[in-house]
């Protein structure tokens, strides 16, 4: 069974209902720019280099996922610690 942290992080629990970005948001613009650069780079690579680059991207994605999960858990625990102090009236 997954912990509540994992369920929340993996999106199985969505207290905000998910976030939608408008087409002109900085996030969407950055994503478009990233995709354009990826497409241009892939067009210049041979089959062997494409496979190697995709393996690199997968490894980078795994590293980022591990880091996001760690930051998420830390932030949630920190927030819970703050709430505990408020309710204990220790401020």
PDB file of N, CA and C in Angstrom:
ATOM      1  N   UNK A   1       0.844  -1.190   0.000  1.00  0.00           N
ATOM      2  CA  UNK A   1       0.000   0.000   0.000  1.00  0.00           C
ATOM      3  C   UNK A   1       0.881   1.243   0.000  1.00  0.00           C
ATOM      4  N   UNK A   2       0.542   2.211  -0.833  1.00  0.00           N
ATOM      5  CA  UNK A   2       1.291   3.456  -0.897  1.00  0.00           C
ATOM      6  C   UNK A   2       0.961   4.339   0.298  1.00  0.00           C
ATOM      7  N   UNK A   3       1.943   5.128   0.695  1.00  0.00           N
ATOM      8  CA  UNK A   3       1.697   6.073   1.781  1.00  0.00           C
ATOM      9  C   UNK A   3       0.850   7.232   1.261  1.00  0.00           C
ATOM     10  N   UNK A   4       0.281   7.978   2.163  1.00  0.00           N
ATOM     11  CA  UNK A   4      -0.518   9.142   1.786  1.00  0.00           C
ATOM     12  C   UNK A   4       0.340  10.143   1.008  1.00  0.00           C
ATOM     13  N   UNK A   5       1.633  10.247   1.365  1.00  0.00           N
ATOM     14  CA  UNK A   5       2.544  11.126   0.633  1.00  0.00           C
ATOM     15  C   UNK A   5       2.636  10.691  -0.825  1.00  0.00           C
ATOM     16  N   UNK A   6       2.840   9.387  -1.026  1.00  0.00           N
ATOM     17  CA  UNK A   6       2.982   8.868  -2.389  1.00  0.00           C
ATOM     18  C   UNK A   6       1.685   9.016  -3.182  1.00  0.00           C
ATOM     19  N   UNK A   7       0.561   8.735  -2.553  1.00  0.00           N
ATOM     20  CA  UNK A   7      -0.731   8.883  -3.224  1.00  0.00           C
ATOM     21  C   UNK A   7      -0.969  10.328  -3.654  1.00  0.00           C
ATOM     22  N   UNK A   8      -0.693  11.254  -2.770  1.00  0.00           N
ATOM     23  CA  UNK A   8      -0.869  12.672  -3.078  1.00  0.00           C
ATOM     24  C   UNK A   8       0.099  13.110  -4.164  1.00  0.00           C
ATOM     25  N   UNK A   9       1.360  12.708  -4.027  1.00  0.00           N
ATOM     26  CA  UNK A   9       2.385  13.094  -5.002  1.00  0.00           C
ATOM     27  C   UNK A   9       2.092  12.510  -6.380  1.00  0.00           C
ATOM     28  N   UNK A  10       1.664  11.256  -6.444  1.00  0.00           N
ATOM     29  CA  UNK A  10       1.404  10.595  -7.715  1.00  0.00           C
ATOM     30  C   UNK A  10       0.112  11.053  -8.386  1.00  0.00           C
ATOM     31  N   UNK A  11      -0.626  11.928  -7.729  1.00  0.00           N
ATOM     32  CA  UNK A  11      -1.837  12.465  -8.340  1.00  0.00           C
ATOM     33  C   UNK A  11      -3.075  11.635  -8.103  1.00  0.00           C
ATOM     34  N   UNK A  12      -2.971  10.608  -7.275  1.00  0.00           N
ATOM     35  CA  UNK A  12      -4.140   9.802  -6.969  1.00  0.00           C
ATOM     36  C   UNK A  12      -5.086  10.540  -6.034  1.00  0.00           C
ATOM     37  N   UNK A  13      -4.565  11.518  -5.332  1.00  0.00           N
ATOM     38  CA  UNK A  13      -5.350  12.426  -4.502  1.00  0.00           C
ATOM     39  C   UNK A  13      -5.080  13.817  -5.058  1.00  0.00           C
ATOM     40  N   UNK A  14      -6.107  14.516  -5.496  1.00  0.00           N
ATOM     41  CA  UNK A  14      -5.921  15.831  -6.094  1.00  0.00           C
ATOM     42  C   UNK A  14      -6.769  16.879  -5.372  1.00  0.00           C
ATOM     43  N   UNK A  15      -6.214  17.451  -4.320  1.00  0.00           N
ATOM     44  CA  UNK A  15      -6.987  18.428  -3.555  1.00  0.00           C
ATOM     45  C   UNK A  15      -7.328  19.688  -4.352  1.00  0.00           C
ATOM     46  N   UNK A  16      -6.539  19.994  -5.372  1.00  0.00           N
ATOM     47  CA  UNK A  16      -6.806  21.200  -6.167  1.00  0.00           C
ATOM     48  C   UNK A  16      -7.535  20.887  -7.462  1.00  0.00           C
ATOM     49  N   UNK A  17      -7.707  19.623  -7.780  1.00  0.00           N
ATOM     50  CA  UNK A  17      -8.384  19.253  -9.008  1.00  0.00           C
ATOM     51  C   UNK A  17      -7.498  19.344 -10.241  1.00  0.00           C
ATOM     52  N   UNK A  18      -6.223  19.544 -10.065  1.00  0.00           N
ATOM     53  CA  UNK A  18      -5.309  19.654 -11.203  1.00  0.00           C
ATOM     54  C   UNK A  18      -5.146  21.099 -11.639  1.00  0.00           C
ATOM     55  N   UNK A  19      -4.009  21.410 -12.197  1.00  0.00           N
ATOM     56  CA  UNK A  19      -3.730  22.785 -12.597  1.00  0.00           C
ATOM     57  C   UNK A  19      -3.724  22.877 -14.117  1.00  0.00           C
ATOM     58  N   UNK A  20      -4.405  23.879 -14.642  1.00  0.00           N
ATOM     59  CA  UNK A  20      -4.470  24.113 -16.073  1.00  0.00           C
ATOM     60  C   UNK A  20      -3.772  25.430 -16.365  1.00  0.00           C
ATOM     61  N   UNK A  21      -2.870  25.408 -17.358  1.00  0.00           N
ATOM     62  CA  UNK A  21      -2.140  26.610 -17.732  1.00  0.00           C
ATOM     63  C   UNK A  21      -2.740  27.202 -18.999  1.00  0.00           C
ATOM     64  N   UNK A  22      -2.865  28.516 -19.041  1.00  0.00           N
ATOM     65  CA  UNK A  22      -3.361  29.167 -20.254  1.00  0.00           C
ATOM     66  C   UNK A  22      -2.298  29.078 -21.347  1.00  0.00           C
ATOM     67  N   UNK A  23      -2.700  29.199 -22.582  1.00  0.00           N
ATOM     68  CA  UNK A  23      -1.795  29.058 -23.722  1.00  0.00           C
ATOM     69  C   UNK A  23      -0.671  30.091 -23.730  1.00  0.00           C
ATOM     70  N   UNK A  24      -0.881  31.245 -23.129  1.00  0.00           N
ATOM     71  CA  UNK A  24       0.163  32.280 -23.123  1.00  0.00           C
ATOM     72  C   UNK A  24       0.920  32.348 -21.799  1.00  0.00           C
ATOM     73  N   UNK A  25       0.750  31.336 -20.956  1.00  0.00           N
ATOM     74  CA  UNK A  25       1.448  31.324 -19.668  1.00  0.00           C
ATOM     75  C   UNK A  25       2.930  31.049 -19.883  1.00  0.00           C
ATOM     76  N   UNK A  26       3.776  31.503 -18.968  1.00  0.00           N
ATOM     77  CA  UNK A  26       5.213  31.211 -19.078  1.00  0.00           C
ATOM     78  C   UNK A  26       5.506  29.715 -19.144  1.00  0.00           C
ATOM     79  N   UNK A  27       4.720  28.912 -18.444  1.00  0.00           N
ATOM     80  CA  UNK A  27       4.924  27.465 -18.464  1.00  0.00           C
ATOM     81  C   UNK A  27       4.706  26.895 -19.863  1.00  0.00           C
ATOM     82  N   UNK A  28       3.596  27.245 -20.489  1.00  0.00           N
ATOM     83  CA  UNK A  28       3.290  26.733 -21.824  1.00  0.00           C
ATOM     84  C   UNK A  28       4.303  27.244 -22.842  1.00  0.00           C
ATOM     85  N   UNK A  29       4.703  28.495 -22.717  1.00  0.00           N
ATOM     86  CA  UNK A  29       5.701  29.048 -23.641  1.00  0.00           C
ATOM     87  C   UNK A  29       7.038  28.311 -23.505  1.00  0.00           C
ATOM     88  N   UNK A  30       7.448  28.033 -22.286  1.00  0.00           N
ATOM     89  CA  UNK A  30       8.703  27.308 -22.054  1.00  0.00           C
ATOM     90  C   UNK A  30       8.602  25.882 -22.593  1.00  0.00           C
ATOM     91  N   UNK A  31       7.453  25.248 -22.414  1.00  0.00           N
ATOM     92  CA  UNK A  31       7.263  23.885 -22.918  1.00  0.00           C
ATOM     93  C   UNK A  31       7.334  23.859 -24.445  1.00  0.00           C
ATOM     94  N   UNK A  32       6.745  24.851 -25.087  1.00  0.00           N
ATOM     95  CA  UNK A  32       6.802  24.931 -26.551  1.00  0.00           C
ATOM     96  C   UNK A  32       8.241  25.131 -27.027  1.00  0.00           C
ATOM     97  N   UNK A  33       8.951  26.009 -26.355  1.00  0.00           N
ATOM     98  CA  UNK A  33      10.344  26.271 -26.720  1.00  0.00           C
ATOM     99  C   UNK A  33      11.191  25.013 -26.530  1.00  0.00           C
ATOM    100  N   UNK A  34      10.957  24.303 -25.458  1.00  0.00           N
ATOM    101  CA  UNK A  34      11.694  23.060 -25.207  1.00  0.00           C
ATOM    102  C   UNK A  34      11.418  22.051 -26.314  1.00  0.00           C
ATOM    103  N   UNK A  35      10.158  21.899 -26.696  1.00  0.00           N
ATOM    104  CA  UNK A  35       9.803  20.940 -27.738  1.00  0.00           C
ATOM    105  C   UNK A  35      10.401  21.331 -29.086  1.00  0.00           C
ATOM    106  N   UNK A  36      10.374  22.620 -29.409  1.00  0.00           N
ATOM    107  CA  UNK A  36      10.968  23.083 -30.666  1.00  0.00           C
ATOM    108  C   UNK A  36      12.461  22.776 -30.715  1.00  0.00           C
ATOM    109  N   UNK A  37      13.158  23.033 -29.614  1.00  0.00           N
ATOM    110  CA  UNK A  37      14.592  22.757 -29.562  1.00  0.00           C
ATOM    111  C   UNK A  37      14.871  21.252 -29.627  1.00  0.00           C
ATOM    112  N   UNK A  38      14.054  20.471 -28.977  1.00  0.00           N
ATOM    113  CA  UNK A  38      14.196  19.018 -29.025  1.00  0.00           C
ATOM    114  C   UNK A  38      14.039  18.527 -30.465  1.00  0.00           C
ATOM    115  N   UNK A  39      13.005  18.997 -31.141  1.00  0.00           N
ATOM    116  CA  UNK A  39      12.763  18.587 -32.520  1.00  0.00           C
ATOM    117  C   UNK A  39      13.927  18.968 -33.432  1.00  0.00           C
ATOM    118  N   UNK A  40      14.451  20.174 -33.262  1.00  0.00           N
ATOM    119  CA  UNK A  40      15.590  20.617 -34.073  1.00  0.00           C
ATOM    120  C   UNK A  40      16.826  19.763 -33.808  1.00  0.00           C
ATOM    121  N   UNK A  41      17.079  19.468 -32.546  1.00  0.00           N
ATOM    122  CA  UNK A  41      18.235  18.645 -32.195  1.00  0.00           C
ATOM    123  C   UNK A  41      18.094  17.238 -32.762  1.00  0.00           C
ATOM    124  N   UNK A  42      16.927  16.640 -32.595  1.00  0.00           N
ATOM    125  CA  UNK A  42      16.716  15.275 -33.086  1.00  0.00           C
ATOM    126  C   UNK A  42      16.879  15.198 -34.604  1.00  0.00           C
ATOM    127  N   UNK A  43      16.533  16.257 -35.318  1.00  0.00           N
ATOM    128  CA  UNK A  43      16.672  16.277 -36.775  1.00  0.00           C
ATOM    129  C   UNK A  43      18.138  16.245 -37.204  1.00  0.00           C
ATOM    130  N   UNK A  44      19.035  16.635 -36.315  1.00  0.00           N
ATOM    131  CA  UNK A  44      20.462  16.663 -36.670  1.00  0.00           C
ATOM    132  C   UNK A  44      21.201  15.391 -36.272  1.00  0.00           C
ATOM    133  N   UNK A  45      20.542  14.507 -35.517  1.00  0.00           N
ATOM    134  CA  UNK A  45      21.210  13.313 -35.003  1.00  0.00           C
ATOM    135  C   UNK A  45      20.923  12.081 -35.856  1.00  0.00           C
ATOM    136  N   UNK A  46      21.887  11.181 -35.867  1.00  0.00           N
ATOM    137  CA  UNK A  46      21.696   9.880 -36.502  1.00  0.00           C
ATOM    138  C   UNK A  46      20.948   8.950 -35.560  1.00  0.00           C
ATOM    139  N   UNK A  47      20.619   7.739 -36.044  1.00  0.00           N
ATOM    140  CA  UNK A  47      19.854   6.778 -35.242  1.00  0.00           C
ATOM    141  C   UNK A  47      20.560   6.434 -33.935  1.00  0.00           C
ATOM    142  N   UNK A  48      21.850   6.184 -33.997  1.00  0.00           N
ATOM    143  CA  UNK A  48      22.610   5.812 -32.792  1.00  0.00           C
ATOM    144  C   UNK A  48      22.620   6.951 -31.782  1.00  0.00           C
ATOM    145  N   UNK A  49      22.861   8.169 -32.267  1.00  0.00           N
ATOM    146  CA  UNK A  49      22.888   9.328 -31.378  1.00  0.00           C
ATOM    147  C   UNK A  49      21.512   9.606 -30.792  1.00  0.00           C
ATOM    148  N   UNK A  50      20.446   9.366 -31.569  1.00  0.00           N
ATOM    149  CA  UNK A  50      19.080   9.563 -31.062  1.00  0.00           C
ATOM    150  C   UNK A  50      18.795   8.602 -29.913  1.00  0.00           C
ATOM    151  N   UNK A  51      19.194   7.342 -30.085  1.00  0.00           N
ATOM    152  CA  UNK A  51      18.979   6.366 -29.007  1.00  0.00           C
ATOM    153  C   UNK A  51      19.736   6.772 -27.749  1.00  0.00           C
ATOM    154  N   UNK A  52      20.977   7.197 -27.932  1.00  0.00           N
ATOM    155  CA  UNK A  52      21.794   7.608 -26.787  1.00  0.00           C
ATOM    156  C   UNK A  52      21.194   8.833 -26.115  1.00  0.00           C
ATOM    157  N   UNK A  53      20.736   9.798 -26.895  1.00  0.00           N
ATOM    158  CA  UNK A  53      20.150  11.007 -26.323  1.00  0.00           C
ATOM    159  C   UNK A  53      18.847  10.687 -25.592  1.00  0.00           C
ATOM    160  N   UNK A  54      18.045   9.774 -26.122  1.00  0.00           N
ATOM    161  CA  UNK A  54      16.806   9.386 -25.447  1.00  0.00           C
ATOM    162  C   UNK A  54      17.102   8.698 -24.115  1.00  0.00           C
ATOM    163  N   UNK A  55      18.174   7.890 -24.077  1.00  0.00           N
ATOM    164  CA  UNK A  55      18.577   7.271 -22.805  1.00  0.00           C
ATOM    165  C   UNK A  55      19.007   8.348 -21.806  1.00  0.00           C
ATOM    166  N   UNK A  56      19.738   9.336 -22.299  1.00  0.00           N
ATOM    167  CA  UNK A  56      20.148  10.461 -21.446  1.00  0.00           C
ATOM    168  C   UNK A  56      18.912  11.196 -20.898  1.00  0.00           C
ATOM    169  N   UNK A  57      17.955  11.473 -21.766  1.00  0.00           N
ATOM    170  CA  UNK A  57      16.740  12.175 -21.334  1.00  0.00           C
ATOM    171  C   UNK A  57      15.972  11.376 -20.294  1.00  0.00           C
ATOM    172  N   UNK A  58      15.904  10.065 -20.471  1.00  0.00           N
ATOM    173  CA  UNK A  58      15.209   9.210 -19.510  1.00  0.00           C
ATOM    174  C   UNK A  58      15.908   9.244 -18.146  1.00  0.00           C
ATOM    175  N   UNK A  59      17.245   9.165 -18.165  1.00  0.00           N
ATOM    176  CA  UNK A  59      18.000   9.232 -16.906  1.00  0.00           C
ATOM    177  C   UNK A  59      17.782  10.581 -16.225  1.00  0.00           C
ATOM    178  N   UNK A  60      17.792  11.656 -16.999  1.00  0.00           N
ATOM    179  CA  UNK A  60      17.567  12.993 -16.444  1.00  0.00           C
ATOM    180  C   UNK A  60      16.166  13.100 -15.855  1.00  0.00           C
ATOM    181  N   UNK A  61      15.201  12.542 -16.547  1.00  0.00           N
ATOM    182  CA  UNK A  61      13.824  12.545 -16.052  1.00  0.00           C
ATOM    183  C   UNK A  61      13.714  11.783 -14.731  1.00  0.00           C
ATOM    184  N   UNK A  62      14.395  10.655 -14.634  1.00  0.00           N
ATOM    185  CA  UNK A  62      14.378   9.878 -13.382  1.00  0.00           C
ATOM    186  C   UNK A  62      14.996  10.675 -12.232  1.00  0.00           C
ATOM    187  N   UNK A  63      16.103  11.347 -12.500  1.00  0.00           N
ATOM    188  CA  UNK A  63      16.747  12.173 -11.473  1.00  0.00           C
ATOM    189  C   UNK A  63      15.802  13.280 -11.018  1.00  0.00           C
ATOM    190  N   UNK A  64      15.163  13.956 -11.965  1.00  0.00           N
ATOM    191  CA  UNK A  64      14.240  15.043 -11.627  1.00  0.00           C
ATOM    192  C   UNK A  64      13.050  14.542 -10.826  1.00  0.00           C
ATOM    193  N   UNK A  65      12.548  13.369 -11.174  1.00  0.00           N
ATOM    194  CA  UNK A  65      11.425  12.790 -10.439  1.00  0.00           C
ATOM    195  C   UNK A  65      11.812  12.511  -8.993  1.00  0.00           C
ATOM    196  N   UNK A  66      12.977  11.945  -8.775  1.00  0.00           N
ATOM    197  CA  UNK A  66      13.457  11.656  -7.420  1.00  0.00           C
ATOM    198  C   UNK A  66      13.608  12.960  -6.629  1.00  0.00           C
ATOM    199  N   UNK A  67      14.155  13.988  -7.266  1.00  0.00           N
ATOM    200  CA  UNK A  67      14.348  15.274  -6.589  1.00  0.00           C
ATOM    201  C   UNK A  67      13.009  15.934  -6.268  1.00  0.00           C
ATOM    202  N   UNK A  68      12.048  15.882  -7.214  1.00  0.00           N
ATOM    203  CA  UNK A  68      10.725  16.473  -6.961  1.00  0.00           C
ATOM    204  C   UNK A  68      10.023  15.773  -5.810  1.00  0.00           C
ATOM    205  N   UNK A  69      10.129  14.448  -5.781  1.00  0.00           N
ATOM    206  CA  UNK A  69       9.482  13.702  -4.708  1.00  0.00           C
ATOM    207  C   UNK A  69      10.086  14.067  -3.359  1.00  0.00           C
ATOM    208  N   UNK A  70      11.407  14.177  -3.308  1.00  0.00           N
ATOM    209  CA  UNK A  70      12.067  14.570  -2.063  1.00  0.00           C
ATOM    210  C   UNK A  70      11.654  15.964  -1.611  1.00  0.00           C
ATOM    211  N   UNK A  71      11.604  16.901  -2.553  1.00  0.00           N
ATOM    212  CA  UNK A  71      11.196  18.275  -2.219  1.00  0.00           C
ATOM    213  C   UNK A  71       9.739  18.304  -1.769  1.00  0.00           C
ATOM    214  N   UNK A  72       8.895  17.527  -2.438  1.00  0.00           N
ATOM    215  CA  UNK A  72       7.491  17.460  -2.075  1.00  0.00           C
ATOM    216  C   UNK A  72       7.317  16.945  -0.648  1.00  0.00           C
ATOM    217  N   UNK A  73       7.994  15.838  -0.333  1.00  0.00           N
ATOM    218  CA  UNK A  73       7.884  15.260   1.018  1.00  0.00           C
ATOM    219  C   UNK A  73       8.394  16.221   2.080  1.00  0.00           C
ATOM    220  N   UNK A  74       9.527  16.857   1.803  1.00  0.00           N
ATOM    221  CA  UNK A  74      10.085  17.806   2.758  1.00  0.00           C
ATOM    222  C   UNK A  74       9.104  18.960   2.999  1.00  0.00           C
ATOM    223  N   UNK A  75       8.574  19.525   1.921  1.00  0.00           N
ATOM    224  CA  UNK A  75       7.668  20.674   2.049  1.00  0.00           C
ATOM    225  C   UNK A  75       6.402  20.286   2.797  1.00  0.00           C
ATOM    226  N   UNK A  76       5.866  19.114   2.509  1.00  0.00           N
ATOM    227  CA  UNK A  76       4.656  18.680   3.192  1.00  0.00           C
ATOM    228  C   UNK A  76       4.911  18.459   4.681  1.00  0.00           C
ATOM    229  N   UNK A  77       6.016  17.816   4.998  1.00  0.00           N
ATOM    230  CA  UNK A  77       6.359  17.596   6.410  1.00  0.00           C
ATOM    231  C   UNK A  77       6.611  18.918   7.126  1.00  0.00           C
ATOM    232  N   UNK A  78       7.253  19.850   6.432  1.00  0.00           N
ATOM    233  CA  UNK A  78       7.504  21.167   7.019  1.00  0.00           C
ATOM    234  C   UNK A  78       6.184  21.873   7.309  1.00  0.00           C
ATOM    235  N   UNK A  79       5.265  21.825   6.345  1.00  0.00           N
ATOM    236  CA  UNK A  79       3.954  22.445   6.536  1.00  0.00           C
ATOM    237  C   UNK A  79       3.179  21.813   7.681  1.00  0.00           C
ATOM    238  N   UNK A  80       3.251  20.499   7.783  1.00  0.00           N
ATOM    239  CA  UNK A  80       2.581  19.804   8.881  1.00  0.00           C
ATOM    240  C   UNK A  80       3.207  20.195  10.210  1.00  0.00           C
ATOM    241  N   UNK A  81       4.537  20.338  10.224  1.00  0.00           N
ATOM    242  CA  UNK A  81       5.217  20.792  11.447  1.00  0.00           C
ATOM    243  C   UNK A  81       4.757  22.183  11.867  1.00  0.00           C
ATOM    244  N   UNK A  82       4.598  23.069  10.887  1.00  0.00           N
ATOM    245  CA  UNK A  82       4.099  24.413  11.201  1.00  0.00           C
ATOM    246  C   UNK A  82       2.683  24.349  11.771  1.00  0.00           C
ATOM    247  N   UNK A  83       1.829  23.541  11.168  1.00  0.00           N
ATOM    248  CA  UNK A  83       0.454  23.419  11.666  1.00  0.00           C
ATOM    249  C   UNK A  83       0.433  22.839  13.071  1.00  0.00           C
ATOM    250  N   UNK A  84       1.323  21.892  13.338  1.00  0.00           N
ATOM    251  CA  UNK A  84       1.394  21.277  14.671  1.00  0.00           C
ATOM    252  C   UNK A  84       1.726  22.329  15.713  1.00  0.00           C
ATOM    253  N   UNK A  85       2.684  23.208  15.392  1.00  0.00           N
ATOM    254  CA  UNK A  85       3.050  24.274  16.337  1.00  0.00           C
ATOM    255  C   UNK A  85       1.902  25.247  16.560  1.00  0.00           C
ATOM    256  N   UNK A  86       1.193  25.569  15.496  1.00  0.00           N
ATOM    257  CA  UNK A  86       0.061  26.496  15.635  1.00  0.00           C
ATOM    258  C   UNK A  86      -1.013  25.888  16.538  1.00  0.00           C
ATOM    259  N   UNK A  87      -1.344  24.631  16.296  1.00  0.00           N
ATOM    260  CA  UNK A  87      -2.382  23.993  17.107  1.00  0.00           C
ATOM    261  C   UNK A  87      -1.918  23.744  18.543  1.00  0.00           C
ATOM    262  N   UNK A  88      -0.619  23.575  18.741  1.00  0.00           N
ATOM    263  CA  UNK A  88      -0.101  23.361  20.095  1.00  0.00           C
ATOM    264  C   UNK A  88       0.091  24.689  20.810  1.00  0.00           C
ATOM    265  N   UNK A  89      -0.124  25.803  20.075  1.00  0.00           N
ATOM    266  CA  UNK A  89       0.033  27.143  20.623  1.00  0.00           C
ATOM    267  C   UNK A  89       1.445  27.378  21.177  1.00  0.00           C
ATOM    268  N   UNK A  90       2.437  26.914  20.406  1.00  0.00           N
ATOM    269  CA  UNK A  90       3.821  27.046  20.833  1.00  0.00           C
ATOM    270  C   UNK A  90       4.516  28.252  20.203  1.00  0.00           C
ATOM    271  N   UNK A  91       3.801  29.086  19.519  1.00  0.00           N
ATOM    272  CA  UNK A  91       4.412  30.234  18.842  1.00  0.00           C
ATOM    273  C   UNK A  91       4.780  31.324  19.788  1.00  0.00           C
TER     274      UNK A  91
END
